[in-house]
């Protein structure tokens, strides 16, 4: 699948680019990805409990029980780090990205694209390309981002070390991606360190069904249909504090 980042650009912005503007813009830019990502991640923990168990084992080995995870632990928690990449690949906040405009004439697979053409990228499909992500590209599997030694593997060049295209392309990638990545990492790490997320059970003791494809269309952003798509129970991960946290 070919991509040409060099001829694609966002619309120009005439706002005054002050330090205060950048601080506010970065906060807004990362705002959707974090709660949206945490919704989808929670659903993934219910649908793929083996990934939760592997991440918790990693946290137990690296962090232990005497303290909370911190950002300093990130290099030592590759699987937890990979969860951030995977949830953004698996369920991108904006499946069609944002419109871009070509800055010059271009050809793509025999098709002529004139300068000034508005391009809408199918981020959802690109993130699920089986030639890149394997035959299980539709599944939540953070291990796809690890190398044989269990560390974060090198990413594809056009993803700028993200391993997916959910943040956009070229020089006009999401300005808040670092805020979003860091916020997702620390939220996921603390949640896994402190709790175990399990599916609720019905009156017969069977897990309630899950709809991993249910969503709410919020315009640009696609969110998990959390009130209806899944129901979960949180329990303390610490053995000395048994019992449900919230039902």
Foldseek 3Di string as FASTA:
>chain_A
DDDDQPFKAADDDPDDDDPVVLVVQLCVLLVQLAVQLVQLLLLLCAVPVVLLVVQLVQCCVQPNQPDADDPVCVQSRQSLLLLLLQSCLLFPFFQFADWIFTQAWDDDPNDTDHGGDIDTHRQNCQSQPCVLQNPVSNHRDSCSQADPVGHGDQADPQCVRSNGQSQHTDPPGRSNPVVNSNSNSSVSRRLSNFKRKYADADPVRHGDDADSPAWDCPDRTIGHPNVPRGDIWIFTPDPVGGDTPGD
